[in-house]
Amino acid sequence: MTNQQSTIRAARVYLRVSTDEQDLARQEAIVAGARAVGFYVAAVYREKASGARPDRPELLRMVDDLQPGEVVIAEKIDRISRLPLPEAELLVATIRGKGARLAVPGIVDLSDLVADSSGVPRIVLEAVQDMLLRVALQTARDDYETRRERQREGIEIAKRAGRYTGRKPDLAHHRRIVALREAGMSIARTAELAGCSIAQVKRVTALYRAKAVPVNEEGISAEA
């Protein structure tokens, strides 16, 4: 029994999309995939926030929950971080400092080889592992910066052409938030049921209660 327990591989799965309008459903398959290859999934952390933010509540909760020997699983490295390289490396160092490691597609994991090595080979393997991870983290940040720059350029072009109207709100989503709150749901429970952040629930509810725009066929103000 002791031998069987010692072979259990525990994982914590982190799922993230950048905005409230995006859906986490596609990434849910990662959980089943982790179990299929023999991981015990200790917890799943779902987040709707930019990967360029260091203060993501679910990410911080996951890091705090990590136990020695556990594995962090994500769809890609940019789900974990789009932070500037120094901050991204600090995040990874914190995960490693908890005795955990990353299992992310595209990241070559040399942990087992490092553990079985010593002396110069171990130093070389650790250096290679760090270099590959650094490249992946920087690539994720570069991709974020490129997307942001293209977005800014597109907005400027649209403004000059008089076509820029701002981002359109998801009116049906806003009506659902208000309906849940009026049904007596707490802010946290509303966010969970509506699949959005607590911050958005507060914004939409505040606008509705302030009578910024009535909740009717037109929905709630685009400022939400």
C-alpha atoms as a PDB file:
ATOM      1  CA  MET A   1       0.000   0.000   0.000  1.00  0.00           C
ATOM      2  CA  THR A   2       2.835   2.365   0.856  1.00  0.00           C
ATOM      3  CA  ASN A   3       4.554   1.672  -2.476  1.00  0.00           C
ATOM      4  CA  GLN A   4       1.346   2.358  -4.372  1.00  0.00           C
ATOM      5  CA  GLN A   5       0.841   5.675  -2.596  1.00  0.00           C
ATOM      6  CA  SER A   6       4.428   6.746  -3.256  1.00  0.00           C
ATOM      7  CA  THR A   7       3.881   6.455  -7.011  1.00  0.00           C
ATOM      8  CA  ILE A   8       0.928   8.855  -7.081  1.00  0.00           C
ATOM      9  CA  ARG A   9       1.688  11.935  -9.177  1.00  0.00           C
ATOM     10  CA  ALA A  10      -0.282  14.963  -8.049  1.00  0.00           C
ATOM     11  CA  ALA A  11      -1.046  17.868 -10.363  1.00  0.00           C
ATOM     12  CA  ARG A  12      -2.698  21.254 -10.149  1.00  0.00           C
ATOM     13  CA  VAL A  13      -4.266  22.426 -13.406  1.00  0.00           C
ATOM     14  CA  TYR A  14      -4.342  26.128 -14.281  1.00  0.00           C
ATOM     15  CA  LEU A  15      -6.819  27.295 -16.950  1.00  0.00           C
ATOM     16  CA  ARG A  16      -6.823  30.909 -18.118  1.00  0.00           C
ATOM     17  CA  VAL A  17      -8.360  33.155 -20.744  1.00  0.00           C
ATOM     18  CA  SER A  18      -7.763  36.888 -21.012  1.00  0.00           C
ATOM     19  CA  THR A  19     -11.275  38.371 -20.923  1.00  0.00           C
ATOM     20  CA  ASP A  20     -14.689  37.722 -19.405  1.00  0.00           C
ATOM     21  CA  GLU A  21     -16.110  37.204 -22.899  1.00  0.00           C
ATOM     22  CA  GLN A  22     -13.802  34.262 -23.633  1.00  0.00           C
ATOM     23  CA  ASP A  23     -14.717  30.691 -22.751  1.00  0.00           C
ATOM     24  CA  LEU A  24     -12.625  28.252 -20.709  1.00  0.00           C
ATOM     25  CA  ALA A  25     -14.487  25.222 -22.071  1.00  0.00           C
ATOM     26  CA  ARG A  26     -11.829  24.333 -24.652  1.00  0.00           C
ATOM     27  CA  GLN A  27      -9.155  24.099 -21.978  1.00  0.00           C
ATOM     28  CA  GLU A  28     -11.244  21.827 -19.737  1.00  0.00           C
ATOM     29  CA  ALA A  29      -9.996  18.834 -21.736  1.00  0.00           C
ATOM     30  CA  ILE A  30      -6.610  19.365 -20.051  1.00  0.00           C
ATOM     31  CA  VAL A  31      -8.077  18.080 -16.789  1.00  0.00           C
ATOM     32  CA  ALA A  32      -9.251  14.814 -18.343  1.00  0.00           C
ATOM     33  CA  GLY A  33      -5.954  14.525 -20.205  1.00  0.00           C
ATOM     34  CA  ALA A  34      -3.972  14.854 -16.979  1.00  0.00           C
ATOM     35  CA  ARG A  35      -6.009  12.113 -15.327  1.00  0.00           C
ATOM     36  CA  ALA A  36      -5.680   9.907 -18.406  1.00  0.00           C
ATOM     37  CA  VAL A  37      -1.882   9.894 -18.145  1.00  0.00           C
ATOM     38  CA  GLY A  38      -1.948   8.993 -14.466  1.00  0.00           C
ATOM     39  CA  PHE A  39      -2.055  12.273 -12.561  1.00  0.00           C
ATOM     40  CA  TYR A  40      -4.158  12.771  -9.476  1.00  0.00           C
ATOM     41  CA  VAL A  41      -5.639  16.240 -10.019  1.00  0.00           C
ATOM     42  CA  ALA A  42      -5.482  17.935  -6.631  1.00  0.00           C
ATOM     43  CA  ALA A  43      -7.284  21.071  -7.862  1.00  0.00           C
ATOM     44  CA  VAL A  44      -8.290  23.036 -10.948  1.00  0.00           C
ATOM     45  CA  TYR A  45      -7.845  26.810 -11.011  1.00  0.00           C
ATOM     46  CA  ARG A  46      -9.924  28.787 -13.517  1.00  0.00           C
ATOM     47  CA  GLU A  47      -9.117  32.407 -14.272  1.00  0.00           C
ATOM     48  CA  LYS A  48     -10.342  35.150 -16.590  1.00  0.00           C
ATOM     49  CA  ALA A  49      -7.547  37.709 -16.507  1.00  0.00           C
ATOM     50  CA  SER A  50      -4.634  38.891 -18.608  1.00  0.00           C
ATOM     51  CA  GLY A  51      -1.485  36.801 -18.394  1.00  0.00           C
ATOM     52  CA  ALA A  52       0.407  40.098 -18.191  1.00  0.00           C
ATOM     53  CA  ARG A  53      -1.023  40.699 -14.707  1.00  0.00           C
ATOM     54  CA  PRO A  54       1.035  39.442 -11.743  1.00  0.00           C
ATOM     55  CA  ASP A  55      -1.886  39.748  -9.303  1.00  0.00           C
ATOM     56  CA  ARG A  56      -4.188  37.056 -10.675  1.00  0.00           C
ATOM     57  CA  PRO A  57      -6.080  35.669  -7.650  1.00  0.00           C
ATOM     58  CA  GLU A  58      -6.394  32.089  -8.870  1.00  0.00           C
ATOM     59  CA  LEU A  59      -2.756  31.916  -9.956  1.00  0.00           C
ATOM     60  CA  LEU A  60      -1.639  33.198  -6.561  1.00  0.00           C
ATOM     61  CA  ARG A  61      -3.954  30.735  -4.818  1.00  0.00           C
ATOM     62  CA  MET A  62      -2.536  27.873  -6.858  1.00  0.00           C
ATOM     63  CA  VAL A  63       1.050  28.829  -6.018  1.00  0.00           C
ATOM     64  CA  ASP A  64       0.110  29.100  -2.344  1.00  0.00           C
ATOM     65  CA  ASP A  65      -1.529  25.649  -2.455  1.00  0.00           C
ATOM     66  CA  LEU A  66       1.420  23.881  -4.113  1.00  0.00           C
ATOM     67  CA  GLN A  67       3.030  20.997  -2.264  1.00  0.00           C
ATOM     68  CA  PRO A  68       6.486  19.458  -2.828  1.00  0.00           C
ATOM     69  CA  GLY A  69       6.542  17.016  -5.729  1.00  0.00           C
ATOM     70  CA  GLU A  70       3.424  18.380  -7.415  1.00  0.00           C
ATOM     71  CA  VAL A  71       3.187  19.358 -11.067  1.00  0.00           C
ATOM     72  CA  VAL A  72       1.604  22.492 -12.533  1.00  0.00           C
ATOM     73  CA  ILE A  73      -0.214  21.725 -15.782  1.00  0.00           C
ATOM     74  CA  ALA A  74      -1.398  24.350 -18.271  1.00  0.00           C
ATOM     75  CA  GLU A  75      -2.333  24.438 -21.945  1.00  0.00           C
ATOM     76  CA  LYS A  76       0.704  26.564 -22.885  1.00  0.00           C
ATOM     77  CA  ILE A  77       3.322  28.617 -21.103  1.00  0.00           C
ATOM     78  CA  ASP A  78       1.461  31.826 -21.992  1.00  0.00           C
ATOM     79  CA  ARG A  79      -1.480  30.601 -19.907  1.00  0.00           C
ATOM     80  CA  ILE A  80       0.872  30.762 -16.917  1.00  0.00           C
ATOM     81  CA  SER A  81       2.629  33.995 -17.844  1.00  0.00           C
ATOM     82  CA  ARG A  82       2.863  36.812 -20.348  1.00  0.00           C
ATOM     83  CA  LEU A  83       4.785  38.862 -17.816  1.00  0.00           C
ATOM     84  CA  PRO A  84       8.054  40.673 -18.569  1.00  0.00           C
ATOM     85  CA  LEU A  85      10.905  38.167 -18.348  1.00  0.00           C
ATOM     86  CA  PRO A  86      12.227  39.131 -14.876  1.00  0.00           C
ATOM     87  CA  GLU A  87       8.731  38.842 -13.367  1.00  0.00           C
ATOM     88  CA  ALA A  88       8.023  35.613 -15.270  1.00  0.00           C
ATOM     89  CA  GLU A  89      11.259  34.069 -14.019  1.00  0.00           C
ATOM     90  CA  LEU A  90      10.399  35.121 -10.471  1.00  0.00           C
ATOM     91  CA  LEU A  91       7.010  33.401 -10.794  1.00  0.00           C
ATOM     92  CA  VAL A  92       8.639  30.199 -12.039  1.00  0.00           C
ATOM     93  CA  ALA A  93      11.240  30.401  -9.270  1.00  0.00           C
ATOM     94  CA  THR A  94       8.418  30.685  -6.730  1.00  0.00           C
ATOM     95  CA  ILE A  95       6.748  27.578  -8.155  1.00  0.00           C
ATOM     96  CA  ARG A  96      10.038  25.703  -8.037  1.00  0.00           C
ATOM     97  CA  GLY A  97      10.695  27.015  -4.560  1.00  0.00           C
ATOM     98  CA  LYS A  98       7.558  25.197  -3.428  1.00  0.00           C
ATOM     99  CA  GLY A  99       9.123  21.978  -4.671  1.00  0.00           C
ATOM    100  CA  ALA A 100       6.851  21.805  -7.726  1.00  0.00           C
ATOM    101  CA  ARG A 101       7.571  21.836 -11.445  1.00  0.00           C
ATOM    102  CA  LEU A 102       5.879  22.818 -14.692  1.00  0.00           C
ATOM    103  CA  ALA A 103       4.406  20.343 -17.173  1.00  0.00           C
ATOM    104  CA  VAL A 104       3.494  22.536 -20.137  1.00  0.00           C
ATOM    105  CA  PRO A 105       3.502  21.579 -23.854  1.00  0.00           C
ATOM    106  CA  GLY A 106       6.465  23.114 -25.633  1.00  0.00           C
ATOM    107  CA  ILE A 107       8.621  23.141 -22.496  1.00  0.00           C
ATOM    108  CA  VAL A 108      11.253  20.399 -22.470  1.00  0.00           C
ATOM    109  CA  ASP A 109      11.261  18.931 -18.954  1.00  0.00           C
ATOM    110  CA  LEU A 110      14.685  17.617 -17.970  1.00  0.00           C
ATOM    111  CA  SER A 111      13.841  17.232 -14.282  1.00  0.00           C
ATOM    112  CA  ASP A 112      14.240  13.451 -14.236  1.00  0.00           C
ATOM    113  CA  LEU A 113      17.563  13.604 -16.060  1.00  0.00           C
ATOM    114  CA  VAL A 114      18.800  16.330 -13.707  1.00  0.00           C
ATOM    115  CA  ALA A 115      17.792  14.277 -10.671  1.00  0.00           C
ATOM    116  CA  ASP A 116      19.788  11.297 -11.936  1.00  0.00           C
ATOM    117  CA  SER A 117      22.880  13.365 -12.739  1.00  0.00           C
ATOM    118  CA  SER A 118      25.663  14.977 -10.752  1.00  0.00           C
ATOM    119  CA  GLY A 119      28.695  17.158 -11.272  1.00  0.00           C
ATOM    120  CA  VAL A 120      29.199  18.819 -14.654  1.00  0.00           C
ATOM    121  CA  PRO A 121      26.388  16.907 -16.464  1.00  0.00           C
ATOM    122  CA  ARG A 122      23.883  18.103 -13.854  1.00  0.00           C
ATOM    123  CA  ILE A 123      25.052  21.710 -14.199  1.00  0.00           C
ATOM    124  CA  VAL A 124      24.771  21.516 -17.995  1.00  0.00           C
ATOM    125  CA  LEU A 125      21.288  19.983 -17.895  1.00  0.00           C
ATOM    126  CA  GLU A 126      20.065  22.599 -15.423  1.00  0.00           C
ATOM    127  CA  ALA A 127      21.487  25.367 -17.623  1.00  0.00           C
ATOM    128  CA  VAL A 128      19.778  23.937 -20.715  1.00  0.00           C
ATOM    129  CA  GLN A 129      16.483  23.600 -18.826  1.00  0.00           C
ATOM    130  CA  ASP A 130      16.662  27.218 -17.653  1.00  0.00           C
ATOM    131  CA  MET A 131      17.593  28.478 -21.117  1.00  0.00           C
ATOM    132  CA  LEU A 132      14.682  26.696 -22.801  1.00  0.00           C
ATOM    133  CA  LEU A 133      12.250  27.981 -20.199  1.00  0.00           C
ATOM    134  CA  ARG A 134      13.609  31.525 -20.521  1.00  0.00           C
ATOM    135  CA  VAL A 135      13.145  31.415 -24.290  1.00  0.00           C
ATOM    136  CA  ALA A 136       9.555  30.206 -23.888  1.00  0.00           C
ATOM    137  CA  LEU A 137       8.725  32.896 -21.323  1.00  0.00           C
ATOM    138  CA  GLN A 138      10.242  35.642 -23.477  1.00  0.00           C
ATOM    139  CA  THR A 139       8.393  34.359 -26.550  1.00  0.00           C
ATOM    140  CA  ALA A 140       5.102  34.507 -24.640  1.00  0.00           C
ATOM    141  CA  ARG A 141       5.831  38.110 -23.628  1.00  0.00           C
ATOM    142  CA  ASP A 142       6.901  39.090 -27.156  1.00  0.00           C
ATOM    143  CA  ASP A 143       3.685  37.647 -28.558  1.00  0.00           C
ATOM    144  CA  TYR A 144       1.686  39.685 -26.029  1.00  0.00           C
ATOM    145  CA  GLU A 145       3.525  42.888 -26.955  1.00  0.00           C
ATOM    146  CA  THR A 146       3.035  42.212 -30.681  1.00  0.00           C
ATOM    147  CA  ARG A 147      -0.700  41.656 -30.223  1.00  0.00           C
ATOM    148  CA  ARG A 148      -1.022  44.842 -28.181  1.00  0.00           C
ATOM    149  CA  GLU A 149       0.864  46.871 -30.764  1.00  0.00           C
ATOM    150  CA  ARG A 150      -1.289  45.531 -33.610  1.00  0.00           C
ATOM    151  CA  GLN A 151      -4.400  46.329 -31.586  1.00  0.00           C
ATOM    152  CA  ARG A 152      -3.211  49.891 -30.980  1.00  0.00           C
ATOM    153  CA  GLU A 153      -2.389  50.327 -34.654  1.00  0.00           C
ATOM    154  CA  GLY A 154      -5.792  48.993 -35.676  1.00  0.00           C
ATOM    155  CA  ILE A 155      -7.570  51.353 -33.297  1.00  0.00           C
ATOM    156  CA  GLU A 156      -5.598  54.349 -34.578  1.00  0.00           C
ATOM    157  CA  ILE A 157      -6.380  53.469 -38.197  1.00  0.00           C
ATOM    158  CA  ALA A 158     -10.072  53.057 -37.352  1.00  0.00           C
ATOM    159  CA  LYS A 159     -10.115  56.374 -35.473  1.00  0.00           C
ATOM    160  CA  ARG A 160      -8.529  58.235 -38.386  1.00  0.00           C
ATOM    161  CA  ALA A 161     -11.116  56.710 -40.712  1.00  0.00           C
ATOM    162  CA  GLY A 162     -13.941  57.594 -38.310  1.00  0.00           C
ATOM    163  CA  ARG A 163     -14.893  53.944 -37.875  1.00  0.00           C
ATOM    164  CA  TYR A 164     -13.859  53.357 -34.258  1.00  0.00           C
ATOM    165  CA  THR A 165     -16.828  52.908 -31.929  1.00  0.00           C
ATOM    166  CA  GLY A 166     -15.158  51.138 -29.007  1.00  0.00           C
ATOM    167  CA  ARG A 167     -15.689  47.597 -27.815  1.00  0.00           C
ATOM    168  CA  LYS A 168     -19.304  46.477 -27.914  1.00  0.00           C
ATOM    169  CA  PRO A 169     -20.665  45.098 -24.650  1.00  0.00           C
ATOM    170  CA  ASP A 170     -22.148  41.620 -24.333  1.00  0.00           C
ATOM    171  CA  LEU A 171     -25.668  42.763 -23.518  1.00  0.00           C
ATOM    172  CA  ALA A 172     -27.106  39.298 -22.923  1.00  0.00           C
ATOM    173  CA  HIS A 173     -24.274  38.573 -20.511  1.00  0.00           C
ATOM    174  CA  HIS A 174     -24.954  41.814 -18.630  1.00  0.00           C
ATOM    175  CA  ARG A 175     -28.663  41.026 -18.344  1.00  0.00           C
ATOM    176  CA  ARG A 176     -27.803  37.605 -16.924  1.00  0.00           C
ATOM    177  CA  ILE A 177     -25.583  39.187 -14.267  1.00  0.00           C
ATOM    178  CA  VAL A 178     -28.325  41.594 -13.212  1.00  0.00           C
ATOM    179  CA  ALA A 179     -30.933  38.811 -13.175  1.00  0.00           C
ATOM    180  CA  LEU A 180     -28.759  36.650 -10.920  1.00  0.00           C
ATOM    181  CA  ARG A 181     -28.134  39.515  -8.510  1.00  0.00           C
ATOM    182  CA  GLU A 182     -31.837  40.363  -8.404  1.00  0.00           C
ATOM    183  CA  ALA A 183     -32.564  36.715  -7.662  1.00  0.00           C
ATOM    184  CA  GLY A 184     -30.540  37.111  -4.475  1.00  0.00           C
ATOM    185  CA  MET A 185     -27.268  35.566  -5.577  1.00  0.00           C
ATOM    186  CA  SER A 186     -24.113  36.848  -3.909  1.00  0.00           C
ATOM    187  CA  ILE A 187     -21.493  38.649  -5.990  1.00  0.00           C
ATOM    188  CA  ALA A 188     -19.169  35.641  -5.806  1.00  0.00           C
ATOM    189  CA  ARG A 189     -21.919  33.168  -6.743  1.00  0.00           C
ATOM    190  CA  THR A 190     -23.080  35.414  -9.598  1.00  0.00           C
ATOM    191  CA  ALA A 191     -19.539  35.580 -10.978  1.00  0.00           C
ATOM    192  CA  GLU A 192     -19.319  31.783 -10.812  1.00  0.00           C
ATOM    193  CA  LEU A 193     -22.661  31.174 -12.520  1.00  0.00           C
ATOM    194  CA  ALA A 194     -22.161  33.877 -15.147  1.00  0.00           C
ATOM    195  CA  GLY A 195     -18.592  32.783 -15.863  1.00  0.00           C
ATOM    196  CA  CYS A 196     -17.056  36.194 -15.278  1.00  0.00           C
ATOM    197  CA  SER A 197     -14.967  38.079 -12.750  1.00  0.00           C
ATOM    198  CA  ILE A 198     -16.207  39.503  -9.468  1.00  0.00           C
ATOM    199  CA  ALA A 199     -15.048  42.921 -10.702  1.00  0.00           C
ATOM    200  CA  GLN A 200     -17.349  42.739 -13.724  1.00  0.00           C
ATOM    201  CA  VAL A 201     -20.310  41.712 -11.568  1.00  0.00           C
ATOM    202  CA  LYS A 202     -19.707  44.774  -9.394  1.00  0.00           C
ATOM    203  CA  ARG A 203     -19.375  47.095 -12.404  1.00  0.00           C
ATOM    204  CA  VAL A 204     -22.511  45.863 -14.151  1.00  0.00           C
ATOM    205  CA  THR A 205     -24.551  45.839 -10.939  1.00  0.00           C
ATOM    206  CA  ALA A 206     -23.411  49.342  -9.993  1.00  0.00           C
ATOM    207  CA  LEU A 207     -24.362  50.739 -13.400  1.00  0.00           C
ATOM    208  CA  TYR A 208     -27.755  49.095 -13.264  1.00  0.00           C
ATOM    209  CA  ARG A 209     -28.490  50.332  -9.755  1.00  0.00           C
ATOM    210  CA  ALA A 210     -27.366  53.828 -10.682  1.00  0.00           C
ATOM    211  CA  LYS A 211     -29.894  53.684 -13.539  1.00  0.00           C
ATOM    212  CA  ALA A 212     -27.107  54.399 -16.042  1.00  0.00           C
ATOM    213  CA  VAL A 213     -29.049  52.436 -18.648  1.00  0.00           C
ATOM    214  CA  PRO A 214     -32.186  50.390 -17.932  1.00  0.00           C
ATOM    215  CA  VAL A 215     -31.954  46.645 -18.440  1.00  0.00           C
ATOM    216  CA  ASN A 216     -34.169  46.203 -21.457  1.00  0.00           C
ATOM    217  CA  GLU A 217     -33.710  45.333 -25.082  1.00  0.00           C
ATOM    218  CA  GLU A 218     -30.835  47.805 -25.265  1.00  0.00           C
ATOM    219  CA  GLY A 219     -28.995  46.198 -22.332  1.00  0.00           C
ATOM    220  CA  ILE A 220     -26.479  47.958 -20.112  1.00  0.00           C
ATOM    221  CA  SER A 221     -24.074  50.754 -20.924  1.00  0.00           C
ATOM    222  CA  ALA A 222     -21.003  49.895 -23.007  1.00  0.00           C
ATOM    223  CA  GLU A 223     -18.897  51.322 -20.206  1.00  0.00           C
ATOM    224  CA  ALA A 224     -19.474  48.132 -18.252  1.00  0.00           C
END
